[in-house]
Amino acid sequence: MKNLKTQSLLLIVILFSGYGYIASCTHDAISPLPSAASNTPVITRGTDVLLPKNYTAGDTTSWKLDKSHSSVMWSTIYVGGSGLLTGRFNQFGMHEVTDAKMLNYTTAGQPLMDSSWAFYENEPSKSYFNGYVQMNHSNTGEPGRDAGCNISALGTVAIVPGTQNLTVTNLAKIKTTEIKFDPTSNDYIVTLLLTWKGTLGTPLTKTLVGRMKYIRRNKVQFGSAAAYSVFGLQLKFQFNARDYGITSTSISDKIDIECNMNFNNK
C-alpha cells in the first residue's frame, strides 16, 4: 500500500512539472514567421533633363550624339538553320529627315545635325526622338554579301564613296509618337513609326512598340583630359520584313533592331 501511495505521488509531481513547462512555452516565446516576399518591382527614377540645345562643342549644357561609340544593330533567324544572321548599319543619325531633306549629301561626316531628340527622365510625355539609317550601309562583316545580294534584297542602291545617301530608296527612319513609363521596371515603353520603302513602290509607315532603357548620366575622365559626362539610351523593337516587300527566303519574317545611342557634353 505504501508503494502504491509513493507511485501515485510521483505521478502527480510529474504531471504538474509537465504542465508548468508547457505553460512557460507561450506564443510570446515563439519567433514570428517571416512575411512573404513582395513581388512589387522597385522602381527608382531621377529628374534628369537632357537636351541637345545649341549643339556647340565645349558647351557642357549641350548634349551631343557620340556616333563613334553608338550603334544600330539588326538580327534575324537564318531560315533553315539554328543560328542568327546579324549586322549593323555604319551610317545613321538622329534627325527628323523631312521630304525636303531626303537628298544626296557630299560629305564624309554626318549630313544633318543629330539634334532631333529630347529626354526627360521623369516626364516621358515630353521625351521624343527621330532617327534614320542608310540601308546600303548594312554591314554583316561579309563584303560580298553587303555589296551584292543585300543591295537588291533591300531595294536600295550601291554606296557612292564620299556621298551620304538620304534619298527615299536608301532611307529607313523612325519617329516616336508616345513614350511612357513601363510599370514593371525602370524602362520606358515607346510607340514609334517606322517608314521605309524596302522593295515596295512607295514608302510604308507602320506603328510599332518597343522598349527603351536609360543608362544614367555619369562623369568620366581619361588621363589628363578634362572630365565630361555621358549617358545612353537603348531602344529595342521588332518589325516584319514582309510588310516592306522583303521576300528573301534566307531570313525570318521578324527583324530585331537594337539602337544603342551614347551622348556626351564635351
Protein backbone atom coordinates (compact mmCIF):
# COMPACT_ATOMS: atom_id res chain seq x y z
CA MET A 1 0.00 0.00 0.00
CA LYS A 2 2.86 2.31 0.88
CA ASN A 3 4.47 1.71 -2.53
CA LEU A 4 1.18 2.50 -4.27
CA LYS A 5 0.89 5.84 -2.47
CA THR A 6 4.51 6.66 -3.32
CA GLN A 7 3.95 5.91 -7.03
CA SER A 8 0.78 7.99 -7.09
CA LEU A 9 2.55 10.96 -5.53
CA LEU A 10 5.40 10.69 -8.07
CA LEU A 11 2.90 10.65 -10.94
CA ILE A 12 1.21 13.82 -9.65
CA VAL A 13 4.57 15.62 -9.38
CA ILE A 14 5.49 14.65 -12.95
CA LEU A 15 2.14 15.86 -14.30
CA PHE A 16 2.40 19.27 -12.60
CA SER A 17 6.00 19.66 -13.74
CA GLY A 18 4.98 18.99 -17.33
CA TYR A 19 2.13 21.48 -17.09
CA GLY A 20 4.48 24.13 -15.79
CA TYR A 21 6.85 23.55 -18.73
CA ILE A 22 4.05 23.74 -21.28
CA ALA A 23 2.61 26.88 -19.68
CA SER A 24 6.03 28.54 -19.85
CA CYS A 25 6.19 27.95 -23.66
CA THR A 26 3.67 30.65 -24.57
CA HIS A 27 3.24 32.18 -28.06
CA ASP A 28 5.25 35.18 -26.87
CA ALA A 29 8.33 32.98 -26.87
CA ILE A 30 7.87 31.82 -30.49
CA SER A 31 9.65 33.83 -33.22
CA PRO A 32 7.16 35.18 -35.76
CA LEU A 33 7.23 33.67 -39.25
CA PRO A 34 8.90 35.87 -41.87
CA SER A 35 6.47 37.78 -44.08
CA ALA A 36 6.09 36.69 -47.67
CA ALA A 37 8.46 38.37 -50.12
CA SER A 38 6.87 41.17 -52.14
CA ASN A 39 6.75 40.79 -55.93
CA THR A 40 6.32 44.53 -56.42
CA PRO A 41 9.25 45.85 -58.52
CA VAL A 42 11.47 48.51 -57.01
CA ILE A 43 11.36 51.47 -59.41
CA THR A 44 13.58 54.49 -58.92
CA ARG A 45 13.66 57.48 -61.25
CA GLY A 46 15.54 60.71 -61.12
CA THR A 47 14.78 64.07 -62.67
CA ASP A 48 17.42 64.32 -65.41
CA VAL A 49 16.56 66.61 -68.31
CA LEU A 50 18.90 66.04 -71.27
CA LEU A 51 18.63 68.21 -74.38
CA PRO A 52 20.74 68.94 -77.46
CA LYS A 53 20.22 72.72 -77.18
CA ASN A 54 22.64 74.57 -79.46
CA TYR A 55 24.96 71.59 -80.03
CA THR A 56 28.06 73.77 -79.60
CA ALA A 57 31.34 71.99 -78.92
CA GLY A 58 32.61 72.78 -75.45
CA ASP A 59 29.16 73.75 -74.12
CA THR A 60 28.63 71.38 -71.17
CA THR A 61 24.88 72.12 -71.11
CA SER A 62 24.54 70.86 -74.68
CA TRP A 63 24.40 67.10 -75.24
CA LYS A 64 25.78 65.59 -78.44
CA LEU A 65 25.33 62.18 -80.02
CA ASP A 66 28.62 60.28 -79.78
CA LYS A 67 28.20 58.41 -83.06
CA SER A 68 31.58 56.70 -82.97
CA HIS A 69 30.53 54.95 -79.75
CA SER A 70 26.92 54.30 -80.77
CA SER A 71 25.39 51.58 -82.92
CA VAL A 72 22.27 50.41 -84.73
CA MET A 73 22.23 46.62 -84.96
CA TRP A 74 19.87 44.09 -86.51
CA SER A 75 19.38 40.36 -86.15
CA THR A 76 17.06 37.70 -87.54
CA ILE A 77 16.81 33.94 -87.60
CA TYR A 78 18.54 32.25 -90.53
CA VAL A 79 15.78 30.16 -92.07
CA GLY A 80 16.87 26.54 -92.33
CA GLY A 81 19.48 26.95 -89.61
CA SER A 82 19.59 27.33 -85.85
CA GLY A 83 21.80 30.41 -85.76
CA LEU A 84 21.23 34.12 -86.26
CA LEU A 85 22.05 36.43 -89.10
CA THR A 86 23.36 39.68 -87.63
CA GLY A 87 24.65 43.02 -88.79
CA ARG A 88 24.80 46.72 -88.12
CA PHE A 89 24.35 49.96 -90.03
CA ASN A 90 27.51 52.01 -90.47
CA GLN A 91 25.66 55.24 -91.26
CA PHE A 92 22.81 56.51 -89.08
CA GLY A 93 21.72 59.64 -87.26
CA MET A 94 19.17 61.32 -85.00
CA HIS A 95 17.47 63.88 -87.19
CA GLU A 96 13.93 64.25 -88.50
CA VAL A 97 14.55 63.78 -92.21
CA THR A 98 11.66 65.54 -93.94
CA ASP A 99 10.93 65.04 -97.63
CA ALA A 100 12.82 68.24 -98.46
CA LYS A 101 15.95 66.85 -96.77
CA MET A 102 15.89 63.46 -98.48
CA LEU A 103 18.88 64.19 -100.69
CA ASN A 104 22.38 63.04 -101.52
CA TYR A 105 24.95 64.93 -99.40
CA THR A 106 28.55 65.24 -100.48
CA THR A 107 30.30 64.73 -97.15
CA ALA A 108 32.14 62.07 -95.22
CA GLY A 109 30.59 63.11 -91.91
CA GLN A 110 27.08 63.45 -90.58
CA PRO A 111 24.92 65.05 -93.29
CA LEU A 112 22.44 66.50 -90.78
CA MET A 113 22.75 67.65 -87.17
CA ASP A 114 21.88 64.92 -84.65
CA SER A 115 19.55 67.18 -82.69
CA SER A 116 16.01 65.82 -83.16
CA TRP A 117 15.56 64.36 -79.69
CA ALA A 118 14.89 65.25 -76.04
CA PHE A 119 14.86 63.14 -72.88
CA TYR A 120 13.02 63.92 -69.63
CA GLU A 121 13.65 61.11 -67.17
CA ASN A 122 10.59 61.75 -65.01
CA GLU A 123 8.30 63.28 -67.67
CA PRO A 124 8.35 60.85 -70.58
CA SER A 125 5.47 62.62 -72.31
CA LYS A 126 7.97 65.40 -73.09
CA SER A 127 10.58 63.00 -74.47
CA TYR A 128 10.88 62.26 -78.18
CA PHE A 129 13.40 61.27 -80.80
CA ASN A 130 13.79 60.79 -84.52
CA GLY A 131 16.31 58.53 -86.20
CA TYR A 132 17.36 57.14 -89.56
CA VAL A 133 19.70 54.62 -91.16
CA GLN A 134 21.18 54.41 -94.64
CA MET A 135 20.13 50.95 -95.79
CA ASN A 136 23.05 50.41 -98.19
CA HIS A 137 25.40 50.63 -95.19
CA SER A 138 24.11 47.38 -93.71
CA ASN A 139 27.29 45.63 -92.59
CA THR A 140 27.28 41.89 -91.90
CA GLY A 141 31.07 41.55 -91.98
CA GLU A 142 30.85 39.78 -95.35
CA PRO A 143 31.71 42.33 -98.08
CA GLY A 144 30.48 40.11 -100.90
CA ARG A 145 27.05 39.85 -99.33
CA ASP A 146 26.84 43.51 -98.26
CA ALA A 147 27.75 44.89 -101.69
CA GLY A 148 25.90 42.16 -103.56
CA CYS A 149 22.66 40.40 -102.67
CA ASN A 150 21.86 42.72 -99.75
CA ILE A 151 21.59 45.71 -102.07
CA SER A 152 18.93 44.13 -104.26
CA ALA A 153 17.17 42.34 -101.38
CA LEU A 154 16.74 45.63 -99.51
CA GLY A 155 15.59 47.54 -102.57
CA THR A 156 18.39 50.09 -102.34
CA VAL A 157 21.42 51.19 -104.38
CA ALA A 158 25.17 50.76 -104.08
CA ILE A 159 27.29 53.07 -101.92
CA VAL A 160 28.86 56.04 -103.68
CA PRO A 161 32.12 56.98 -101.91
CA GLY A 162 32.03 60.44 -100.34
CA THR A 163 28.22 60.61 -100.51
CA GLN A 164 25.69 60.24 -97.72
CA ASN A 165 22.57 58.92 -99.42
CA LEU A 166 19.41 60.07 -97.66
CA THR A 167 17.14 59.58 -100.66
CA VAL A 168 13.87 57.66 -100.49
CA THR A 169 15.39 54.49 -101.97
CA ASN A 170 18.02 54.28 -99.23
CA LEU A 171 16.40 55.64 -96.10
CA ALA A 172 14.59 53.97 -93.21
CA LYS A 173 13.50 56.28 -90.42
CA ILE A 174 11.71 56.18 -87.08
CA LYS A 175 9.70 58.81 -85.25
CA THR A 176 8.27 58.43 -81.75
CA THR A 177 4.61 59.19 -81.13
CA GLU A 178 4.49 58.29 -77.42
CA ILE A 179 6.95 57.50 -74.63
CA LYS A 180 5.61 56.40 -71.26
CA PHE A 181 6.74 54.67 -68.06
CA ASP A 182 7.00 50.90 -68.01
CA PRO A 183 5.05 49.97 -64.83
CA THR A 184 7.17 46.84 -64.27
CA SER A 185 10.69 48.32 -64.44
CA ASN A 186 12.76 51.50 -64.79
CA ASP A 187 12.40 51.23 -68.57
CA TYR A 188 10.08 53.11 -70.93
CA ILE A 189 7.52 51.85 -73.43
CA VAL A 190 7.94 53.56 -76.80
CA THR A 191 5.40 53.79 -79.61
CA LEU A 192 7.03 54.74 -82.91
CA LEU A 193 6.50 54.97 -86.62
CA LEU A 194 8.84 53.06 -88.95
CA THR A 195 8.91 54.41 -92.50
CA TRP A 196 10.80 52.52 -95.18
CA LYS A 197 10.33 51.85 -98.87
CA GLY A 198 12.00 48.45 -98.99
CA THR A 199 11.12 46.81 -102.30
CA LEU A 200 7.71 48.48 -102.40
CA GLY A 201 6.83 51.15 -104.91
CA THR A 202 6.34 53.84 -102.25
CA PRO A 203 7.41 54.14 -98.60
CA LEU A 204 5.27 52.39 -96.00
CA THR A 205 4.77 53.61 -92.42
CA LYS A 206 3.93 51.10 -89.68
CA THR A 207 3.23 51.70 -85.98
CA LEU A 208 5.45 49.62 -83.68
CA VAL A 209 6.02 49.32 -79.94
CA GLY A 210 9.46 48.97 -78.36
CA ARG A 211 11.25 49.26 -75.05
CA MET A 212 13.81 51.91 -74.10
CA LYS A 213 16.35 51.84 -71.28
CA TYR A 214 18.04 54.92 -69.84
CA ILE A 215 21.70 54.42 -68.91
CA ARG A 216 22.11 57.09 -66.28
CA ARG A 217 24.32 60.14 -66.63
CA ASN A 218 27.85 59.62 -65.33
CA LYS A 219 31.09 61.61 -65.25
CA VAL A 220 34.18 60.14 -66.91
CA GLN A 221 37.79 61.19 -67.32
CA PHE A 222 40.65 59.71 -69.29
CA GLY A 223 44.21 60.58 -68.39
CA SER A 224 44.85 64.30 -68.02
CA ALA A 225 41.99 65.31 -70.31
CA ALA A 226 39.11 67.33 -68.86
CA ALA A 227 36.29 65.32 -67.31
CA TYR A 228 32.93 65.22 -69.04
CA SER A 229 29.57 63.50 -68.63
CA VAL A 230 27.93 60.74 -70.65
CA PHE A 231 24.58 58.96 -70.78
CA GLY A 232 22.92 56.40 -73.02
CA LEU A 233 19.55 55.43 -74.48
CA GLN A 234 18.98 51.84 -75.60
CA LEU A 235 15.95 51.15 -77.77
CA LYS A 236 14.81 47.69 -78.89
CA PHE A 237 11.94 46.89 -81.24
CA GLN A 238 10.90 44.38 -83.88
CA PHE A 239 9.29 44.67 -87.31
CA ASN A 240 8.05 42.35 -90.04
CA ALA A 241 10.25 42.45 -93.15
CA ARG A 242 7.42 41.07 -95.31
CA ASP A 243 5.41 44.25 -94.67
CA TYR A 244 8.07 46.13 -96.63
CA GLY A 245 8.20 43.72 -99.54
CA ILE A 246 11.30 41.77 -98.47
CA THR A 247 10.81 38.28 -99.89
CA SER A 248 14.19 36.69 -99.21
CA THR A 249 13.74 33.11 -98.01
CA SER A 250 17.05 33.27 -96.14
CA ILE A 251 15.64 35.35 -93.30
CA SER A 252 12.74 35.13 -90.89
CA ASP A 253 9.77 37.47 -91.07
CA LYS A 254 10.79 39.17 -87.83
CA ILE A 255 13.77 41.52 -87.67
CA ASP A 256 15.03 42.66 -84.26
CA ILE A 257 16.55 46.14 -84.04
CA GLU A 258 18.72 47.44 -81.20
CA CYS A 259 19.74 51.10 -81.12
CA ASN A 260 22.48 51.97 -78.65
CA MET A 261 22.83 55.75 -78.57
CA ASN A 262 25.56 57.30 -76.41
CA PHE A 263 25.77 61.02 -75.70
CA ASN A 264 28.31 63.36 -74.13
CA ASN A 265 28.55 67.03 -73.21
CA LYS A 266 32.10 67.68 -74.43
